[in-house]
Amino acid sequence: MTPRLASGLWVSAYMARLQAAAIPAYLARRGDATAGAVIVKLATLDGQARAYVRRWDFASDTRLWAVLAEGDEAAVDAALAREGARDPDLWVVEIEDRAGRTLLDQDGLAEG
């Protein structure tokens, strides 16, 4: 089993990668520095959005990014608000990119 990176450190590294790729992003919610769950919200600036969360994939025995919510941005924001109400340790990174880039499929981010 691969040890998990502390949430705060992972978010900082992810934000740096997004910045290096010139993908606009900001921290919408700061969670627990060591063990908080991370949600990545992608707003495509056309009123639509998608939120990704890490989920355990039993077939591959890894944690993969899965879609938590998608559609109208207001509906995605409402889903994130519900998640935040349930989990006070939650982190939310928000990306604003018309091309829909998140980098979550790249090495080091795709699974872990």
C-alpha atoms as a PDB file:
ATOM      1  CA  MET A   1       0.000   0.000   0.000  1.00  0.00           C
ATOM      2  CA  THR A   2       1.350   3.385  -1.023  1.00  0.00           C
ATOM      3  CA  PRO A   3       1.371   5.968   1.768  1.00  0.00           C
ATOM      4  CA  ARG A   4      -0.972   8.905   1.201  1.00  0.00           C
ATOM      5  CA  LEU A   5       0.349  12.408   0.881  1.00  0.00           C
ATOM      6  CA  ALA A   6      -1.025  14.918   3.402  1.00  0.00           C
ATOM      7  CA  SER A   7      -3.965  16.787   1.870  1.00  0.00           C
ATOM      8  CA  GLY A   8      -2.492  20.259   2.314  1.00  0.00           C
ATOM      9  CA  LEU A   9       0.755  19.246   0.657  1.00  0.00           C
ATOM     10  CA  TRP A  10      -1.080  17.540  -2.231  1.00  0.00           C
ATOM     11  CA  VAL A  11      -3.268  20.603  -2.809  1.00  0.00           C
ATOM     12  CA  SER A  12      -0.229  22.920  -2.795  1.00  0.00           C
ATOM     13  CA  ALA A  13       1.599  20.743  -5.313  1.00  0.00           C
ATOM     14  CA  TYR A  14      -1.521  20.460  -7.489  1.00  0.00           C
ATOM     15  CA  MET A  15      -2.058  24.217  -7.484  1.00  0.00           C
ATOM     16  CA  ALA A  16       1.589  24.710  -8.505  1.00  0.00           C
ATOM     17  CA  ARG A  17       1.126  22.265 -11.401  1.00  0.00           C
ATOM     18  CA  LEU A  18      -1.993  24.085 -12.545  1.00  0.00           C
ATOM     19  CA  GLN A  19      -0.183  27.417 -12.372  1.00  0.00           C
ATOM     20  CA  ALA A  20       2.756  26.031 -14.386  1.00  0.00           C
ATOM     21  CA  ALA A  21       0.279  24.912 -17.058  1.00  0.00           C
ATOM     22  CA  ALA A  22      -1.368  28.382 -17.056  1.00  0.00           C
ATOM     23  CA  ILE A  23      -4.686  26.920 -15.868  1.00  0.00           C
ATOM     24  CA  PRO A  24      -6.565  29.404 -13.653  1.00  0.00           C
ATOM     25  CA  ALA A  25      -7.395  27.878 -10.269  1.00  0.00           C
ATOM     26  CA  TYR A  26      -7.993  28.952  -6.714  1.00  0.00           C
ATOM     27  CA  LEU A  27      -8.602  27.368  -3.357  1.00  0.00           C
ATOM     28  CA  ALA A  28     -12.332  27.686  -2.699  1.00  0.00           C
ATOM     29  CA  ARG A  29     -12.233  25.850   0.632  1.00  0.00           C
ATOM     30  CA  ARG A  30      -9.373  24.921   2.953  1.00  0.00           C
ATOM     31  CA  GLY A  31      -9.778  21.645   4.830  1.00  0.00           C
ATOM     32  CA  ASP A  32      -7.758  19.607   7.291  1.00  0.00           C
ATOM     33  CA  ALA A  33      -4.052  19.821   6.452  1.00  0.00           C
ATOM     34  CA  THR A  34      -3.359  16.133   6.942  1.00  0.00           C
ATOM     35  CA  ALA A  35      -6.441  14.077   6.180  1.00  0.00           C
ATOM     36  CA  GLY A  36      -9.107  16.198   4.514  1.00  0.00           C
ATOM     37  CA  ALA A  37     -10.778  14.916   1.363  1.00  0.00           C
ATOM     38  CA  VAL A  38     -10.161  16.914  -1.824  1.00  0.00           C
ATOM     39  CA  ILE A  39     -12.743  17.852  -4.438  1.00  0.00           C
ATOM     40  CA  VAL A  40     -11.709  19.468  -7.720  1.00  0.00           C
ATOM     41  CA  LYS A  41     -14.397  21.597  -9.361  1.00  0.00           C
ATOM     42  CA  LEU A  42     -13.995  22.446 -13.038  1.00  0.00           C
ATOM     43  CA  ALA A  43     -16.018  25.407 -14.302  1.00  0.00           C
ATOM     44  CA  THR A  44     -15.948  25.649 -18.096  1.00  0.00           C
ATOM     45  CA  LEU A  45     -17.191  29.264 -18.048  1.00  0.00           C
ATOM     46  CA  ASP A  46     -20.324  28.435 -20.037  1.00  0.00           C
ATOM     47  CA  GLY A  47     -22.578  27.853 -17.032  1.00  0.00           C
ATOM     48  CA  GLN A  48     -21.540  24.195 -16.754  1.00  0.00           C
ATOM     49  CA  ALA A  49     -19.284  22.525 -14.211  1.00  0.00           C
ATOM     50  CA  ARG A  50     -18.049  19.151 -13.017  1.00  0.00           C
ATOM     51  CA  ALA A  51     -16.750  18.130  -9.587  1.00  0.00           C
ATOM     52  CA  TYR A  52     -14.267  15.288  -9.110  1.00  0.00           C
ATOM     53  CA  VAL A  53     -13.592  13.319  -5.936  1.00  0.00           C
ATOM     54  CA  ARG A  54     -11.205  10.441  -5.159  1.00  0.00           C
ATOM     55  CA  ARG A  55     -12.958   7.086  -4.842  1.00  0.00           C
ATOM     56  CA  TRP A  56     -11.657   3.607  -4.210  1.00  0.00           C
ATOM     57  CA  ASP A  57     -11.722   1.410  -7.309  1.00  0.00           C
ATOM     58  CA  PHE A  58     -11.899  -2.207  -6.155  1.00  0.00           C
ATOM     59  CA  ALA A  59     -11.105  -3.576  -9.626  1.00  0.00           C
ATOM     60  CA  SER A  60      -7.720  -1.847  -9.783  1.00  0.00           C
ATOM     61  CA  ASP A  61      -7.175  -1.602  -6.003  1.00  0.00           C
ATOM     62  CA  THR A  62      -6.397   2.120  -6.303  1.00  0.00           C
ATOM     63  CA  ARG A  63      -8.011   5.450  -5.615  1.00  0.00           C
ATOM     64  CA  LEU A  64      -9.178   7.097  -8.845  1.00  0.00           C
ATOM     65  CA  TRP A  65     -10.836  10.386  -9.671  1.00  0.00           C
ATOM     66  CA  ALA A  66     -14.589  10.017 -10.228  1.00  0.00           C
ATOM     67  CA  VAL A  67     -17.280  12.542 -11.111  1.00  0.00           C
ATOM     68  CA  LEU A  68     -19.202  13.590  -7.991  1.00  0.00           C
ATOM     69  CA  ALA A  69     -21.545  16.027  -9.746  1.00  0.00           C
ATOM     70  CA  GLU A  70     -21.868  17.612 -13.177  1.00  0.00           C
ATOM     71  CA  GLY A  71     -24.176  19.883 -15.096  1.00  0.00           C
ATOM     72  CA  ASP A  72     -25.388  23.381 -14.337  1.00  0.00           C
ATOM     73  CA  GLU A  73     -22.761  25.178 -12.243  1.00  0.00           C
ATOM     74  CA  ALA A  74     -25.316  26.204  -9.609  1.00  0.00           C
ATOM     75  CA  ALA A  75     -26.313  22.544  -9.136  1.00  0.00           C
ATOM     76  CA  VAL A  76     -22.662  21.513  -8.807  1.00  0.00           C
ATOM     77  CA  ASP A  77     -22.106  24.290  -6.249  1.00  0.00           C
ATOM     78  CA  ALA A  78     -25.130  23.022  -4.298  1.00  0.00           C
ATOM     79  CA  ALA A  79     -23.648  19.499  -4.282  1.00  0.00           C
ATOM     80  CA  LEU A  80     -20.347  20.904  -2.990  1.00  0.00           C
ATOM     81  CA  ALA A  81     -22.187  22.820  -0.267  1.00  0.00           C
ATOM     82  CA  ARG A  82     -23.864  19.579   0.846  1.00  0.00           C
ATOM     83  CA  GLU A  83     -20.503  17.772   0.898  1.00  0.00           C
ATOM     84  CA  GLY A  84     -18.975  20.631   2.905  1.00  0.00           C
ATOM     85  CA  ALA A  85     -21.808  20.497   5.436  1.00  0.00           C
ATOM     86  CA  ARG A  86     -21.101  16.777   5.969  1.00  0.00           C
ATOM     87  CA  ASP A  87     -17.308  17.077   6.010  1.00  0.00           C
ATOM     88  CA  PRO A  88     -15.737  20.061   7.786  1.00  0.00           C
ATOM     89  CA  ASP A  89     -12.260  18.835   6.727  1.00  0.00           C
ATOM     90  CA  LEU A  90     -13.064  19.094   2.991  1.00  0.00           C
ATOM     91  CA  TRP A  91     -10.783  20.905   0.525  1.00  0.00           C
ATOM     92  CA  VAL A  92     -12.202  22.364  -2.716  1.00  0.00           C
ATOM     93  CA  VAL A  93      -9.963  23.448  -5.576  1.00  0.00           C
ATOM     94  CA  GLU A  94     -11.807  25.375  -8.281  1.00  0.00           C
ATOM     95  CA  ILE A  95     -10.508  25.517 -11.832  1.00  0.00           C
ATOM     96  CA  GLU A  96     -11.859  27.890 -14.475  1.00  0.00           C
ATOM     97  CA  ASP A  97     -10.914  26.590 -17.905  1.00  0.00           C
ATOM     98  CA  ARG A  98     -12.947  26.683 -21.130  1.00  0.00           C
ATOM     99  CA  ALA A  99     -10.939  23.739 -22.492  1.00  0.00           C
ATOM    100  CA  GLY A 100     -11.878  21.567 -19.504  1.00  0.00           C
ATOM    101  CA  ARG A 101      -8.306  20.865 -18.371  1.00  0.00           C
ATOM    102  CA  THR A 102      -7.764  19.538 -14.838  1.00  0.00           C
ATOM    103  CA  LEU A 103      -4.485  17.588 -15.220  1.00  0.00           C
ATOM    104  CA  LEU A 104      -6.046  14.849 -13.056  1.00  0.00           C
ATOM    105  CA  ASP A 105      -5.196  12.285 -15.721  1.00  0.00           C
ATOM    106  CA  GLN A 106      -1.451  13.035 -15.545  1.00  0.00           C
ATOM    107  CA  ASP A 107       1.219  10.973 -13.793  1.00  0.00           C
ATOM    108  CA  GLY A 108       1.176  11.488 -10.063  1.00  0.00           C
ATOM    109  CA  LEU A 109      -2.398  12.804 -10.077  1.00  0.00           C
ATOM    110  CA  ALA A 110      -4.387  10.083 -11.853  1.00  0.00           C
ATOM    111  CA  GLU A 111      -4.309   7.559  -9.023  1.00  0.00           C
ATOM    112  CA  GLY A 112      -2.681   7.044  -5.694  1.00  0.00           C
END
